């Protein structure tokens, strides 16, 4: 019984740690590849950790543009911008895809790093 609890705690810690690492990776990836390339917000409360605030990336009345104007800020009048071919719904689908990939990646990493995974790969 004690061995089962010890292994359960080990897997819980591995999965939690892997999820934390995947979340950090997603925040960096979102900030690098999505924010400023697929959309640009001029909101006053724009955060660098926008991946952690799903669905609130742009205001409801954004404009579709062929090229983002990254020089605009909250001081400049104008709407938020989304690259043509994208929408707030598509951004949310992309976000959910990254979340699901994180979950499966964390579970795979925990399995690979766990005692059972090491025995199989050795």
N, C-alpha and C. Protein backbone atom coordinates (compact mmCIF):
# COMPACT_ATOMS: atom_id res chain seq x y z
N UNK A 1 0.83 -1.20 0.00
CA UNK A 1 0.00 0.00 0.00
C UNK A 1 0.87 1.26 0.00
N UNK A 2 1.94 1.22 0.79
CA UNK A 2 2.81 2.39 0.88
C UNK A 2 3.53 2.63 -0.45
N UNK A 3 3.88 1.55 -1.15
CA UNK A 3 4.54 1.67 -2.45
C UNK A 3 3.60 2.30 -3.47
N UNK A 4 2.32 1.92 -3.42
CA UNK A 4 1.32 2.49 -4.34
C UNK A 4 1.18 3.99 -4.09
N UNK A 5 1.11 4.40 -2.83
CA UNK A 5 1.00 5.82 -2.50
C UNK A 5 2.25 6.58 -2.92
N UNK A 6 3.41 5.98 -2.72
CA UNK A 6 4.66 6.62 -3.10
C UNK A 6 4.72 6.83 -4.61
N UNK A 7 4.35 5.78 -5.38
CA UNK A 7 4.34 5.91 -6.84
C UNK A 7 3.29 6.90 -7.31
N UNK A 8 2.11 6.91 -6.65
CA UNK A 8 1.07 7.86 -7.02
C UNK A 8 1.53 9.29 -6.78
N UNK A 9 2.19 9.53 -5.67
CA UNK A 9 2.71 10.86 -5.37
C UNK A 9 3.79 11.24 -6.38
N UNK A 10 4.63 10.30 -6.74
CA UNK A 10 5.68 10.56 -7.72
C UNK A 10 5.07 10.96 -9.07
N UNK A 11 4.07 10.20 -9.53
CA UNK A 11 3.43 10.54 -10.80
C UNK A 11 2.69 11.87 -10.72
N UNK A 12 2.04 12.14 -9.60
CA UNK A 12 1.36 13.42 -9.43
C UNK A 12 2.36 14.57 -9.54
N UNK A 13 3.50 14.45 -8.88
CA UNK A 13 4.51 15.50 -8.95
C UNK A 13 5.12 15.62 -10.35
N UNK A 14 5.33 14.48 -11.01
CA UNK A 14 5.86 14.51 -12.37
C UNK A 14 4.87 15.20 -13.33
N UNK A 15 3.61 14.84 -13.24
CA UNK A 15 2.60 15.43 -14.12
C UNK A 15 2.43 16.91 -13.82
N UNK A 16 2.40 17.28 -12.54
CA UNK A 16 2.25 18.69 -12.17
C UNK A 16 3.45 19.50 -12.67
N UNK A 17 4.64 18.99 -12.46
CA UNK A 17 5.83 19.68 -12.94
C UNK A 17 5.85 19.79 -14.45
N UNK A 18 5.46 18.71 -15.13
CA UNK A 18 5.43 18.73 -16.60
C UNK A 18 4.38 19.72 -17.11
N UNK A 19 3.22 19.78 -16.47
CA UNK A 19 2.20 20.76 -16.86
C UNK A 19 2.69 22.18 -16.65
N UNK A 20 3.40 22.42 -15.56
CA UNK A 20 3.96 23.75 -15.32
C UNK A 20 4.96 24.12 -16.42
N UNK A 21 5.84 23.18 -16.76
CA UNK A 21 6.82 23.44 -17.82
C UNK A 21 6.14 23.67 -19.17
N UNK A 22 5.10 22.90 -19.47
CA UNK A 22 4.38 23.08 -20.73
C UNK A 22 3.65 24.42 -20.75
N UNK A 23 3.13 24.86 -19.61
CA UNK A 23 2.47 26.17 -19.54
C UNK A 23 3.46 27.29 -19.79
N UNK A 24 4.63 27.20 -19.18
CA UNK A 24 5.66 28.21 -19.42
C UNK A 24 6.06 28.22 -20.90
N UNK A 25 6.22 27.04 -21.47
CA UNK A 25 6.56 26.93 -22.89
C UNK A 25 5.47 27.56 -23.76
N UNK A 26 4.21 27.31 -23.43
CA UNK A 26 3.11 27.88 -24.21
C UNK A 26 3.03 29.39 -24.09
N UNK A 27 3.30 29.93 -22.90
CA UNK A 27 3.30 31.39 -22.73
C UNK A 27 4.37 32.01 -23.62
N UNK A 28 5.55 31.44 -23.61
CA UNK A 28 6.65 31.96 -24.44
C UNK A 28 6.31 31.80 -25.92
N UNK A 29 5.80 30.63 -26.31
CA UNK A 29 5.46 30.37 -27.70
C UNK A 29 4.35 31.30 -28.19
N UNK A 30 3.32 31.52 -27.36
CA UNK A 30 2.22 32.41 -27.73
C UNK A 30 2.74 33.83 -27.91
N UNK A 31 3.56 34.26 -26.98
CA UNK A 31 4.09 35.62 -27.04
C UNK A 31 4.99 35.81 -28.27
N UNK A 32 5.71 34.78 -28.65
CA UNK A 32 6.64 34.86 -29.78
C UNK A 32 5.94 34.67 -31.13
N UNK A 33 5.03 33.68 -31.22
CA UNK A 33 4.50 33.29 -32.52
C UNK A 33 3.10 33.80 -32.83
N UNK A 34 2.33 34.19 -31.84
CA UNK A 34 0.93 34.56 -32.09
C UNK A 34 0.69 36.04 -31.83
N UNK A 35 1.04 36.51 -30.62
CA UNK A 35 0.83 37.91 -30.27
C UNK A 35 1.76 38.79 -31.10
N UNK A 36 1.17 39.69 -31.87
CA UNK A 36 1.96 40.57 -32.72
C UNK A 36 2.17 40.02 -34.12
N UNK A 37 1.79 38.78 -34.35
CA UNK A 37 1.88 38.20 -35.70
C UNK A 37 0.50 37.86 -36.25
N UNK A 38 -0.40 37.44 -35.38
CA UNK A 38 -1.77 37.14 -35.81
C UNK A 38 -2.77 38.18 -35.32
N UNK A 39 -2.46 38.87 -34.24
CA UNK A 39 -3.33 39.92 -33.75
C UNK A 39 -2.49 40.97 -33.03
N UNK A 40 -3.08 42.16 -32.88
CA UNK A 40 -2.44 43.24 -32.12
C UNK A 40 -3.53 44.00 -31.40
N UNK A 41 -3.39 44.14 -30.11
CA UNK A 41 -4.36 44.88 -29.32
C UNK A 41 -3.74 46.19 -28.86
N UNK A 42 -4.57 47.19 -28.80
CA UNK A 42 -4.09 48.49 -28.34
C UNK A 42 -4.65 48.80 -26.95
N UNK A 43 -5.12 47.78 -26.28
CA UNK A 43 -5.74 47.97 -24.97
C UNK A 43 -4.77 48.46 -23.92
N UNK A 44 -5.30 49.20 -22.97
CA UNK A 44 -4.50 49.74 -21.87
C UNK A 44 -3.93 48.63 -20.99
N UNK A 45 -4.67 47.56 -20.81
CA UNK A 45 -4.26 46.50 -19.90
C UNK A 45 -3.68 45.30 -20.65
N UNK A 46 -2.97 45.54 -21.70
CA UNK A 46 -2.33 44.48 -22.47
C UNK A 46 -1.24 43.84 -21.61
N UNK A 47 -1.27 42.54 -21.51
CA UNK A 47 -0.31 41.82 -20.66
C UNK A 47 0.63 40.99 -21.52
N UNK A 48 1.79 40.71 -20.99
CA UNK A 48 2.74 39.86 -21.69
C UNK A 48 2.38 38.38 -21.54
N UNK A 49 1.54 38.05 -20.61
CA UNK A 49 1.15 36.67 -20.38
C UNK A 49 -0.24 36.42 -20.96
N UNK A 50 -0.47 36.84 -22.18
CA UNK A 50 -1.80 36.77 -22.77
C UNK A 50 -2.29 35.34 -22.97
N UNK A 51 -1.40 34.38 -23.05
CA UNK A 51 -1.84 32.99 -23.19
C UNK A 51 -2.69 32.57 -21.99
N UNK A 52 -2.43 33.15 -20.83
CA UNK A 52 -3.15 32.78 -19.61
C UNK A 52 -4.50 33.48 -19.49
N UNK A 53 -4.88 34.28 -20.48
CA UNK A 53 -6.14 35.01 -20.45
C UNK A 53 -6.91 34.74 -21.74
N UNK A 54 -7.40 33.51 -21.93
CA UNK A 54 -7.99 33.13 -23.21
C UNK A 54 -9.27 33.89 -23.53
N UNK A 55 -9.40 34.24 -24.80
CA UNK A 55 -10.62 34.87 -25.28
C UNK A 55 -10.67 36.38 -25.10
N UNK A 56 -9.71 36.95 -24.42
CA UNK A 56 -9.71 38.39 -24.18
C UNK A 56 -8.53 39.06 -24.87
N UNK A 57 -8.13 38.55 -26.01
CA UNK A 57 -6.96 39.07 -26.69
C UNK A 57 -7.29 40.35 -27.46
N UNK A 58 -8.47 40.40 -28.04
CA UNK A 58 -8.87 41.59 -28.79
C UNK A 58 -10.28 41.98 -28.37
N UNK A 59 -10.62 43.24 -28.63
CA UNK A 59 -11.97 43.70 -28.31
C UNK A 59 -12.96 43.13 -29.33
N UNK A 60 -14.22 43.23 -29.02
CA UNK A 60 -15.25 42.63 -29.87
C UNK A 60 -15.31 43.27 -31.25
N UNK A 61 -14.99 44.53 -31.36
CA UNK A 61 -15.08 45.21 -32.66
C UNK A 61 -13.68 45.45 -33.25
N UNK A 62 -12.98 44.37 -33.52
CA UNK A 62 -11.65 44.47 -34.12
C UNK A 62 -11.77 44.61 -35.62
N UNK A 63 -10.68 44.97 -36.26
CA UNK A 63 -10.67 45.08 -37.72
C UNK A 63 -9.72 44.05 -38.31
N UNK A 64 -10.11 43.50 -39.45
CA UNK A 64 -9.26 42.55 -40.17
C UNK A 64 -8.33 43.35 -41.07
N UNK A 65 -7.04 43.06 -41.00
CA UNK A 65 -6.06 43.80 -41.76
C UNK A 65 -5.11 42.82 -42.47
N UNK A 66 -4.52 43.30 -43.56
CA UNK A 66 -3.55 42.48 -44.29
C UNK A 66 -2.20 42.47 -43.58
N UNK A 67 -1.89 43.56 -42.88
CA UNK A 67 -0.62 43.67 -42.15
C UNK A 67 -0.89 44.41 -40.84
N UNK A 68 -0.35 43.89 -39.75
CA UNK A 68 -0.57 44.51 -38.44
C UNK A 68 0.28 45.76 -38.28
N UNK A 69 -0.29 46.78 -37.68
CA UNK A 69 0.44 48.01 -37.36
C UNK A 69 0.83 47.93 -35.88
N UNK A 70 2.04 47.45 -35.62
CA UNK A 70 2.49 47.23 -34.24
C UNK A 70 2.91 48.51 -33.54
N UNK A 71 2.95 49.62 -34.25
CA UNK A 71 3.35 50.89 -33.65
C UNK A 71 2.20 51.54 -32.88
N UNK A 72 0.98 51.11 -33.13
CA UNK A 72 -0.17 51.70 -32.44
C UNK A 72 -0.19 51.25 -30.99
N UNK A 73 -0.59 52.17 -30.11
CA UNK A 73 -0.71 51.83 -28.69
C UNK A 73 -2.07 52.30 -28.20
N UNK A 74 -2.32 52.16 -26.90
CA UNK A 74 -3.62 52.54 -26.36
C UNK A 74 -3.86 54.04 -26.47
N UNK A 75 -2.80 54.82 -26.65
CA UNK A 75 -2.94 56.27 -26.80
C UNK A 75 -3.47 56.64 -28.18
N UNK A 76 -3.21 55.77 -29.16
CA UNK A 76 -3.68 56.03 -30.52
C UNK A 76 -5.10 55.51 -30.68
N UNK A 77 -5.97 56.33 -31.28
CA UNK A 77 -7.32 55.83 -31.51
C UNK A 77 -7.30 54.74 -32.58
N UNK A 78 -8.21 53.85 -32.49
CA UNK A 78 -8.28 52.79 -33.49
C UNK A 78 -8.68 51.49 -32.85
N UNK A 79 -9.09 50.59 -33.69
CA UNK A 79 -9.54 49.28 -33.22
C UNK A 79 -8.37 48.32 -33.10
N UNK A 80 -8.60 47.25 -32.34
CA UNK A 80 -7.63 46.17 -32.32
C UNK A 80 -7.59 45.54 -33.71
N UNK A 81 -6.49 44.87 -34.01
CA UNK A 81 -6.31 44.31 -35.35
C UNK A 81 -6.12 42.80 -35.28
N UNK A 82 -6.71 42.12 -36.25
CA UNK A 82 -6.51 40.69 -36.44
C UNK A 82 -6.13 40.49 -37.90
N UNK A 83 -5.15 39.65 -38.12
CA UNK A 83 -4.68 39.37 -39.47
C UNK A 83 -5.80 38.71 -40.28
N UNK A 84 -5.90 39.09 -41.56
CA UNK A 84 -6.93 38.50 -42.41
C UNK A 84 -6.79 36.98 -42.43
N UNK A 85 -7.91 36.30 -42.38
CA UNK A 85 -7.92 34.84 -42.33
C UNK A 85 -8.02 34.31 -40.91
N UNK A 86 -7.90 35.19 -39.94
CA UNK A 86 -8.01 34.81 -38.54
C UNK A 86 -9.19 35.53 -37.90
N UNK A 87 -9.64 35.04 -36.76
CA UNK A 87 -10.71 35.66 -35.99
C UNK A 87 -10.48 35.33 -34.53
N UNK A 88 -11.28 35.93 -33.66
CA UNK A 88 -11.14 35.60 -32.24
C UNK A 88 -11.50 34.14 -31.99
N UNK A 89 -12.43 33.60 -32.77
CA UNK A 89 -12.79 32.18 -32.63
C UNK A 89 -11.63 31.28 -33.05
N UNK A 90 -10.98 31.60 -34.15
CA UNK A 90 -9.83 30.80 -34.60
C UNK A 90 -8.66 30.90 -33.62
N UNK A 91 -8.49 32.07 -33.02
CA UNK A 91 -7.45 32.21 -31.99
C UNK A 91 -7.76 31.32 -30.79
N UNK A 92 -9.03 31.24 -30.43
CA UNK A 92 -9.43 30.39 -29.31
C UNK A 92 -9.24 28.91 -29.64
N UNK A 93 -9.52 28.52 -30.88
CA UNK A 93 -9.28 27.13 -31.31
C UNK A 93 -7.78 26.82 -31.25
N UNK A 94 -6.96 27.76 -31.70
CA UNK A 94 -5.50 27.59 -31.60
C UNK A 94 -5.08 27.45 -30.15
N UNK A 95 -5.65 28.26 -29.28
CA UNK A 95 -5.33 28.20 -27.85
C UNK A 95 -5.70 26.83 -27.27
N UNK A 96 -6.91 26.33 -27.59
CA UNK A 96 -7.33 25.01 -27.10
C UNK A 96 -6.41 23.91 -27.64
N UNK A 97 -5.97 24.05 -28.87
CA UNK A 97 -5.02 23.07 -29.43
C UNK A 97 -3.72 23.05 -28.64
N UNK A 98 -3.24 24.22 -28.27
CA UNK A 98 -2.00 24.29 -27.48
C UNK A 98 -2.21 23.72 -26.08
N UNK A 99 -3.39 23.95 -25.50
CA UNK A 99 -3.68 23.40 -24.17
C UNK A 99 -3.73 21.88 -24.23
N UNK A 100 -4.43 21.33 -25.22
CA UNK A 100 -4.51 19.87 -25.35
C UNK A 100 -3.14 19.26 -25.63
N UNK A 101 -2.35 19.91 -26.47
CA UNK A 101 -0.99 19.42 -26.72
C UNK A 101 -0.17 19.44 -25.44
N UNK A 102 -0.38 20.44 -24.61
CA UNK A 102 0.33 20.52 -23.33
C UNK A 102 -0.05 19.37 -22.41
N UNK A 103 -1.33 19.08 -22.34
CA UNK A 103 -1.79 17.99 -21.47
C UNK A 103 -1.20 16.66 -21.92
N UNK A 104 -1.32 16.37 -23.22
CA UNK A 104 -0.78 15.11 -23.72
C UNK A 104 0.75 15.08 -23.63
N UNK A 105 1.39 16.22 -23.88
CA UNK A 105 2.84 16.29 -23.73
C UNK A 105 3.29 16.07 -22.30
N UNK A 106 2.55 16.65 -21.36
CA UNK A 106 2.90 16.47 -19.94
C UNK A 106 2.70 15.02 -19.51
N UNK A 107 1.61 14.41 -19.94
CA UNK A 107 1.38 13.01 -19.60
C UNK A 107 2.46 12.11 -20.21
N UNK A 108 2.83 12.38 -21.46
CA UNK A 108 3.88 11.60 -22.10
C UNK A 108 5.23 11.79 -21.42
N UNK A 109 5.52 13.03 -21.05
CA UNK A 109 6.78 13.31 -20.36
C UNK A 109 6.82 12.63 -18.99
N UNK A 110 5.70 12.68 -18.27
CA UNK A 110 5.64 12.02 -16.96
C UNK A 110 5.79 10.51 -17.11
N UNK A 111 5.17 9.94 -18.14
CA UNK A 111 5.31 8.50 -18.36
C UNK A 111 6.76 8.16 -18.70
N UNK A 112 7.39 8.98 -19.57
CA UNK A 112 8.76 8.71 -20.00
C UNK A 112 9.74 8.88 -18.85
N UNK A 113 9.52 9.87 -18.00
CA UNK A 113 10.43 10.10 -16.87
C UNK A 113 10.14 9.20 -15.67
N UNK A 114 8.94 8.66 -15.63
CA UNK A 114 8.55 7.81 -14.50
C UNK A 114 9.26 6.48 -14.53
N UNK A 115 9.15 5.73 -13.43
CA UNK A 115 9.86 4.45 -13.33
C UNK A 115 9.42 3.43 -14.37
N UNK A 116 8.16 3.40 -14.73
CA UNK A 116 7.70 2.43 -15.72
C UNK A 116 8.22 2.76 -17.10
N UNK A 117 8.25 4.03 -17.45
CA UNK A 117 8.74 4.46 -18.76
C UNK A 117 10.21 4.17 -18.93
N UNK A 118 10.99 4.35 -17.87
CA UNK A 118 12.44 4.10 -17.94
C UNK A 118 12.72 2.61 -18.09
N UNK A 119 11.91 1.78 -17.46
CA UNK A 119 12.12 0.32 -17.57
C UNK A 119 11.86 -0.16 -19.00
N UNK A 120 10.83 0.41 -19.65
CA UNK A 120 10.48 -0.02 -21.00
C UNK A 120 11.50 0.45 -22.02
N UNK A 121 12.03 1.66 -21.83
CA UNK A 121 12.95 2.19 -22.83
C UNK A 121 14.39 1.70 -22.63
N UNK A 122 14.68 1.09 -21.50
CA UNK A 122 16.05 0.63 -21.23
C UNK A 122 16.33 -0.68 -21.92
